[in-house]
């Protein structure tokens, strides 16, 4: 199972997730989410594999999210529009993202990682 780990090295949550992956000896490819953000089509695949609502992919506590006033936009926009917005800037995407091409987790909760990646 080849994992792709989209992260931002300055993000504390991302560092915790990386430490968890290392402690569980799960091999992964690191992708800096700001320097190499997922493309729109990759985001769409990640979203479909996650089983989550698309709004869960937004970094709602991020400065960029607030600057762009996306709170209301996220509520009222179509899936297509939301994917287009997410694809414009890696800082808008909630991180870390972890995927094996079949499953995707967004953010880091130890219990979710155990359930999804160790079973």
N, C-alpha and C. Protein backbone atom coordinates (compact mmCIF):
# COMPACT_ATOMS: atom_id res chain seq x y z
N UNK A 1 0.85 -1.18 0.00
CA UNK A 1 0.00 0.00 0.00
C UNK A 1 0.89 1.24 0.00
N UNK A 2 0.93 1.92 -1.11
CA UNK A 2 1.74 3.14 -1.21
C UNK A 2 0.90 4.33 -0.77
N UNK A 3 1.38 5.02 0.25
CA UNK A 3 0.65 6.18 0.77
C UNK A 3 1.27 7.47 0.26
N UNK A 4 0.40 8.44 0.00
CA UNK A 4 0.84 9.78 -0.34
C UNK A 4 0.39 10.69 0.80
N UNK A 5 1.35 11.41 1.37
CA UNK A 5 1.12 12.25 2.54
C UNK A 5 1.31 13.71 2.14
N UNK A 6 0.19 14.42 1.95
CA UNK A 6 0.23 15.85 1.64
C UNK A 6 0.31 16.60 2.96
N UNK A 7 1.38 17.39 3.13
CA UNK A 7 1.56 18.09 4.40
C UNK A 7 2.24 19.43 4.22
N UNK A 8 2.21 20.20 5.31
CA UNK A 8 2.89 21.49 5.37
C UNK A 8 3.82 21.39 6.57
N UNK A 9 5.14 21.38 6.35
CA UNK A 9 6.09 21.12 7.44
C UNK A 9 5.97 22.04 8.66
N UNK A 10 5.45 23.25 8.48
CA UNK A 10 5.32 24.17 9.62
C UNK A 10 4.06 23.90 10.44
N UNK A 11 3.23 22.99 9.99
CA UNK A 11 1.95 22.68 10.64
C UNK A 11 2.17 21.62 11.73
N UNK A 12 1.82 21.97 12.97
CA UNK A 12 1.99 21.05 14.09
C UNK A 12 1.21 19.76 13.93
N UNK A 13 -0.01 19.85 13.44
CA UNK A 13 -0.84 18.67 13.23
C UNK A 13 -0.20 17.75 12.19
N UNK A 14 0.36 18.35 11.15
CA UNK A 14 1.04 17.56 10.11
C UNK A 14 2.25 16.82 10.70
N UNK A 15 2.98 17.51 11.56
CA UNK A 15 4.15 16.87 12.17
C UNK A 15 3.73 15.71 13.07
N UNK A 16 2.61 15.87 13.79
CA UNK A 16 2.10 14.78 14.63
C UNK A 16 1.72 13.58 13.76
N UNK A 17 1.06 13.85 12.65
CA UNK A 17 0.65 12.77 11.74
C UNK A 17 1.87 12.05 11.17
N UNK A 18 2.89 12.82 10.80
CA UNK A 18 4.11 12.24 10.24
C UNK A 18 4.79 11.35 11.28
N UNK A 19 4.83 11.82 12.53
CA UNK A 19 5.43 11.04 13.61
C UNK A 19 4.65 9.74 13.79
N UNK A 20 3.33 9.80 13.74
CA UNK A 20 2.49 8.61 13.88
C UNK A 20 2.80 7.61 12.77
N UNK A 21 2.89 8.10 11.54
CA UNK A 21 3.20 7.22 10.40
C UNK A 21 4.55 6.55 10.60
N UNK A 22 5.54 7.33 11.03
CA UNK A 22 6.88 6.79 11.26
C UNK A 22 6.87 5.75 12.37
N UNK A 23 6.15 6.04 13.46
CA UNK A 23 6.09 5.11 14.59
C UNK A 23 5.43 3.79 14.21
N UNK A 24 4.52 3.83 13.24
CA UNK A 24 3.81 2.62 12.80
C UNK A 24 4.45 2.00 11.55
N UNK A 25 5.62 2.52 11.20
CA UNK A 25 6.39 1.98 10.06
C UNK A 25 5.58 1.90 8.77
N UNK A 26 4.77 2.91 8.54
CA UNK A 26 3.99 2.96 7.30
C UNK A 26 4.78 3.79 6.28
N UNK A 27 5.17 3.20 5.17
CA UNK A 27 5.92 3.96 4.17
C UNK A 27 5.00 4.94 3.43
N UNK A 28 5.52 6.11 3.13
CA UNK A 28 4.72 7.13 2.45
C UNK A 28 5.63 8.03 1.64
N UNK A 29 5.01 8.68 0.67
CA UNK A 29 5.71 9.70 -0.11
C UNK A 29 5.22 11.04 0.40
N UNK A 30 6.16 11.90 0.79
CA UNK A 30 5.81 13.24 1.28
C UNK A 30 5.59 14.18 0.11
N UNK A 31 4.51 14.97 0.19
CA UNK A 31 4.27 16.01 -0.81
C UNK A 31 3.97 17.30 -0.05
N UNK A 32 4.77 18.32 -0.30
CA UNK A 32 4.57 19.65 0.33
C UNK A 32 3.31 20.25 -0.31
N UNK A 33 2.26 20.39 0.49
CA UNK A 33 0.95 20.77 -0.05
C UNK A 33 0.90 22.19 -0.63
N UNK A 34 1.83 23.06 -0.20
CA UNK A 34 1.85 24.42 -0.74
C UNK A 34 2.69 24.48 -2.01
N UNK A 35 3.84 23.82 -2.00
CA UNK A 35 4.72 23.82 -3.17
C UNK A 35 4.18 22.93 -4.30
N UNK A 36 3.53 21.83 -3.94
CA UNK A 36 2.99 20.90 -4.94
C UNK A 36 1.57 20.49 -4.56
N UNK A 37 0.63 21.44 -4.61
CA UNK A 37 -0.74 21.09 -4.21
C UNK A 37 -1.37 20.10 -5.18
N UNK A 38 -2.31 19.30 -4.67
CA UNK A 38 -2.99 18.38 -5.58
C UNK A 38 -3.75 19.17 -6.66
N UNK A 39 -3.79 18.62 -7.85
CA UNK A 39 -4.52 19.26 -8.95
C UNK A 39 -6.02 19.17 -8.69
N UNK A 40 -6.79 19.86 -9.48
CA UNK A 40 -8.24 19.81 -9.33
C UNK A 40 -8.75 18.38 -9.46
N UNK A 41 -8.25 17.64 -10.46
CA UNK A 41 -8.72 16.26 -10.65
C UNK A 41 -8.25 15.36 -9.50
N UNK A 42 -7.05 15.60 -8.98
CA UNK A 42 -6.59 14.83 -7.81
C UNK A 42 -7.46 15.15 -6.60
N UNK A 43 -7.80 16.42 -6.41
CA UNK A 43 -8.67 16.81 -5.30
C UNK A 43 -10.03 16.14 -5.41
N UNK A 44 -10.55 16.08 -6.63
CA UNK A 44 -11.85 15.44 -6.82
C UNK A 44 -11.78 13.96 -6.45
N UNK A 45 -10.71 13.28 -6.83
CA UNK A 45 -10.53 11.87 -6.49
C UNK A 45 -10.37 11.69 -4.98
N UNK A 46 -9.58 12.56 -4.35
CA UNK A 46 -9.40 12.48 -2.90
C UNK A 46 -10.73 12.66 -2.18
N UNK A 47 -11.49 13.63 -2.64
CA UNK A 47 -12.80 13.91 -2.06
C UNK A 47 -13.73 12.70 -2.20
N UNK A 48 -13.79 12.12 -3.39
CA UNK A 48 -14.68 10.97 -3.63
C UNK A 48 -14.25 9.76 -2.78
N UNK A 49 -12.93 9.58 -2.60
CA UNK A 49 -12.43 8.46 -1.81
C UNK A 49 -12.61 8.65 -0.30
N UNK A 50 -12.80 9.88 0.12
CA UNK A 50 -12.83 10.17 1.56
C UNK A 50 -14.17 9.85 2.21
N UNK A 51 -15.25 9.95 1.43
CA UNK A 51 -16.58 9.78 2.01
C UNK A 51 -17.02 10.98 2.83
N UNK A 52 -16.25 12.06 2.79
CA UNK A 52 -16.56 13.26 3.56
C UNK A 52 -17.26 14.31 2.69
N UNK A 53 -17.86 15.29 3.35
CA UNK A 53 -18.40 16.44 2.62
C UNK A 53 -17.22 17.25 2.11
N UNK A 54 -17.41 17.88 0.97
CA UNK A 54 -16.32 18.66 0.37
C UNK A 54 -15.87 19.80 1.28
N UNK A 55 -16.78 20.38 2.04
CA UNK A 55 -16.39 21.49 2.91
C UNK A 55 -15.37 21.07 3.96
N UNK A 56 -15.27 19.78 4.26
CA UNK A 56 -14.28 19.28 5.23
C UNK A 56 -12.86 19.41 4.68
N UNK A 57 -12.71 19.64 3.38
CA UNK A 57 -11.40 19.79 2.76
C UNK A 57 -10.84 21.21 2.88
N UNK A 58 -11.65 22.13 3.39
CA UNK A 58 -11.19 23.51 3.53
C UNK A 58 -10.51 23.73 4.87
N UNK A 59 -9.39 24.42 4.85
CA UNK A 59 -8.66 24.81 6.05
C UNK A 59 -9.35 26.05 6.60
N UNK A 60 -10.43 25.83 7.35
CA UNK A 60 -11.27 26.94 7.81
C UNK A 60 -10.57 27.83 8.84
N UNK A 61 -9.51 27.35 9.46
CA UNK A 61 -8.80 28.20 10.42
C UNK A 61 -7.64 28.94 9.76
N UNK A 62 -7.47 28.76 8.48
CA UNK A 62 -6.37 29.41 7.78
C UNK A 62 -6.62 30.87 7.45
N UNK A 63 -5.54 31.61 7.40
CA UNK A 63 -5.61 33.05 7.11
C UNK A 63 -6.19 33.27 5.71
N UNK A 64 -5.76 32.47 4.74
CA UNK A 64 -6.21 32.62 3.35
C UNK A 64 -7.74 32.45 3.25
N UNK A 65 -8.26 31.46 3.97
CA UNK A 65 -9.71 31.18 4.00
C UNK A 65 -10.46 32.43 4.47
N UNK A 66 -9.97 33.03 5.54
CA UNK A 66 -10.62 34.23 6.09
C UNK A 66 -10.45 35.42 5.16
N UNK A 67 -9.24 35.60 4.62
CA UNK A 67 -8.97 36.72 3.71
C UNK A 67 -9.92 36.71 2.51
N UNK A 68 -10.16 35.51 1.99
CA UNK A 68 -11.02 35.38 0.81
C UNK A 68 -12.51 35.35 1.16
N UNK A 69 -12.82 35.40 2.44
CA UNK A 69 -14.22 35.40 2.88
C UNK A 69 -14.98 34.18 2.38
N UNK A 70 -14.38 33.01 2.55
CA UNK A 70 -14.97 31.80 1.97
C UNK A 70 -16.08 31.16 2.80
N UNK A 71 -16.28 31.63 4.02
CA UNK A 71 -17.27 31.00 4.89
C UNK A 71 -18.64 30.87 4.21
N UNK A 72 -19.15 31.97 3.68
CA UNK A 72 -20.47 31.93 3.03
C UNK A 72 -20.41 31.26 1.67
N UNK A 73 -19.30 31.48 0.98
CA UNK A 73 -19.13 30.89 -0.35
C UNK A 73 -19.18 29.36 -0.28
N UNK A 74 -18.53 28.79 0.75
CA UNK A 74 -18.50 27.33 0.90
C UNK A 74 -19.91 26.78 1.12
N UNK A 75 -20.73 27.53 1.83
CA UNK A 75 -22.11 27.09 2.10
C UNK A 75 -22.97 27.08 0.84
N UNK A 76 -22.72 28.04 -0.05
CA UNK A 76 -23.64 28.25 -1.17
C UNK A 76 -23.12 27.85 -2.54
N UNK A 77 -21.88 27.38 -2.63
CA UNK A 77 -21.31 27.07 -3.93
C UNK A 77 -21.53 25.61 -4.32
N UNK A 78 -21.47 25.36 -5.61
CA UNK A 78 -21.60 24.00 -6.11
C UNK A 78 -20.30 23.23 -5.86
N UNK A 79 -20.37 21.93 -5.97
CA UNK A 79 -19.20 21.07 -5.84
C UNK A 79 -18.11 21.48 -6.82
N UNK A 80 -18.53 21.77 -8.04
CA UNK A 80 -17.57 22.18 -9.09
C UNK A 80 -16.84 23.45 -8.69
N UNK A 81 -17.60 24.44 -8.20
CA UNK A 81 -16.99 25.72 -7.79
C UNK A 81 -16.03 25.51 -6.62
N UNK A 82 -16.44 24.68 -5.66
CA UNK A 82 -15.60 24.44 -4.49
C UNK A 82 -14.29 23.75 -4.87
N UNK A 83 -14.35 22.79 -5.77
CA UNK A 83 -13.13 22.12 -6.24
C UNK A 83 -12.21 23.12 -6.95
N UNK A 84 -12.81 24.00 -7.75
CA UNK A 84 -12.02 25.03 -8.44
C UNK A 84 -11.31 25.93 -7.43
N UNK A 85 -12.03 26.33 -6.37
CA UNK A 85 -11.45 27.21 -5.35
C UNK A 85 -10.30 26.49 -4.64
N UNK A 86 -10.54 25.25 -4.21
CA UNK A 86 -9.51 24.49 -3.50
C UNK A 86 -8.25 24.33 -4.34
N UNK A 87 -8.42 24.16 -5.63
CA UNK A 87 -7.28 23.92 -6.52
C UNK A 87 -6.41 25.15 -6.73
N UNK A 88 -6.89 26.33 -6.30
CA UNK A 88 -6.13 27.55 -6.54
C UNK A 88 -4.97 27.75 -5.57
N UNK A 89 -5.04 27.12 -4.38
CA UNK A 89 -4.03 27.42 -3.36
C UNK A 89 -3.96 26.29 -2.33
N UNK A 90 -2.78 25.71 -2.18
CA UNK A 90 -2.59 24.63 -1.20
C UNK A 90 -2.89 25.04 0.23
N UNK A 91 -2.78 26.34 0.52
CA UNK A 91 -3.06 26.81 1.89
C UNK A 91 -4.56 26.76 2.21
N UNK A 92 -5.40 26.61 1.21
CA UNK A 92 -6.84 26.51 1.46
C UNK A 92 -7.26 25.09 1.85
N UNK A 93 -6.38 24.13 1.62
CA UNK A 93 -6.71 22.72 1.84
C UNK A 93 -6.37 22.31 3.26
N UNK A 94 -7.34 21.68 3.92
CA UNK A 94 -7.10 21.15 5.27
C UNK A 94 -6.03 20.07 5.17
N UNK A 95 -5.13 20.09 6.14
CA UNK A 95 -4.02 19.15 6.07
C UNK A 95 -3.83 18.49 7.43
N UNK A 96 -3.12 17.40 7.45
CA UNK A 96 -2.58 16.67 6.31
C UNK A 96 -3.66 15.87 5.58
N UNK A 97 -3.36 15.56 4.33
CA UNK A 97 -4.18 14.64 3.54
C UNK A 97 -3.34 13.37 3.39
N UNK A 98 -3.96 12.24 3.62
CA UNK A 98 -3.26 10.97 3.45
C UNK A 98 -4.12 10.07 2.59
N UNK A 99 -3.53 9.49 1.55
CA UNK A 99 -4.30 8.65 0.64
C UNK A 99 -3.47 7.48 0.13
N UNK A 100 -4.17 6.41 -0.20
CA UNK A 100 -3.53 5.27 -0.86
C UNK A 100 -4.13 5.07 -2.25
N UNK A 101 -4.92 6.06 -2.69
CA UNK A 101 -5.58 5.97 -3.98
C UNK A 101 -6.99 5.37 -3.89
N UNK A 102 -7.28 4.71 -2.78
CA UNK A 102 -8.60 4.12 -2.54
C UNK A 102 -9.32 4.83 -1.39
N UNK A 103 -8.55 5.11 -0.34
CA UNK A 103 -9.08 5.76 0.85
C UNK A 103 -8.32 7.07 1.06
N UNK A 104 -8.98 8.00 1.73
CA UNK A 104 -8.37 9.30 2.03
C UNK A 104 -8.80 9.75 3.41
N UNK A 105 -7.84 10.25 4.19
CA UNK A 105 -8.18 10.89 5.46
C UNK A 105 -7.76 12.35 5.38
N UNK A 106 -8.52 13.20 6.06
CA UNK A 106 -8.29 14.65 6.06
C UNK A 106 -8.06 15.08 7.50
N UNK A 107 -6.97 15.80 7.74
CA UNK A 107 -6.63 16.18 9.10
C UNK A 107 -5.99 14.99 9.80
N UNK A 108 -5.76 15.12 11.10
CA UNK A 108 -5.16 14.01 11.85
C UNK A 108 -5.86 13.80 13.16
N UNK A 109 -6.47 12.63 13.29
CA UNK A 109 -6.99 12.15 14.56
C UNK A 109 -6.44 10.73 14.67
N UNK A 110 -5.73 10.48 15.75
CA UNK A 110 -5.07 9.19 15.92
C UNK A 110 -6.03 8.02 15.74
N UNK A 111 -7.23 8.13 16.32
CA UNK A 111 -8.18 7.01 16.22
C UNK A 111 -8.63 6.78 14.77
N UNK A 112 -8.77 7.85 14.00
CA UNK A 112 -9.13 7.70 12.58
C UNK A 112 -8.00 7.03 11.80
N UNK A 113 -6.76 7.46 12.07
CA UNK A 113 -5.62 6.86 11.39
C UNK A 113 -5.54 5.37 11.71
N UNK A 114 -5.74 5.01 12.99
CA UNK A 114 -5.68 3.59 13.37
C UNK A 114 -6.75 2.80 12.64
N UNK A 115 -7.96 3.34 12.60
CA UNK A 115 -9.08 2.64 11.98
C UNK A 115 -8.85 2.47 10.46
N UNK A 116 -8.41 3.53 9.81
CA UNK A 116 -8.28 3.51 8.36
C UNK A 116 -6.98 2.87 7.88
N UNK A 117 -5.87 3.20 8.54
CA UNK A 117 -4.57 2.81 8.00
C UNK A 117 -3.94 1.58 8.65
N UNK A 118 -4.49 1.10 9.76
CA UNK A 118 -3.92 -0.10 10.38
C UNK A 118 -4.81 -1.32 10.24
N UNK A 119 -6.02 -1.15 9.71
CA UNK A 119 -6.92 -2.31 9.62
C UNK A 119 -6.78 -3.04 8.30
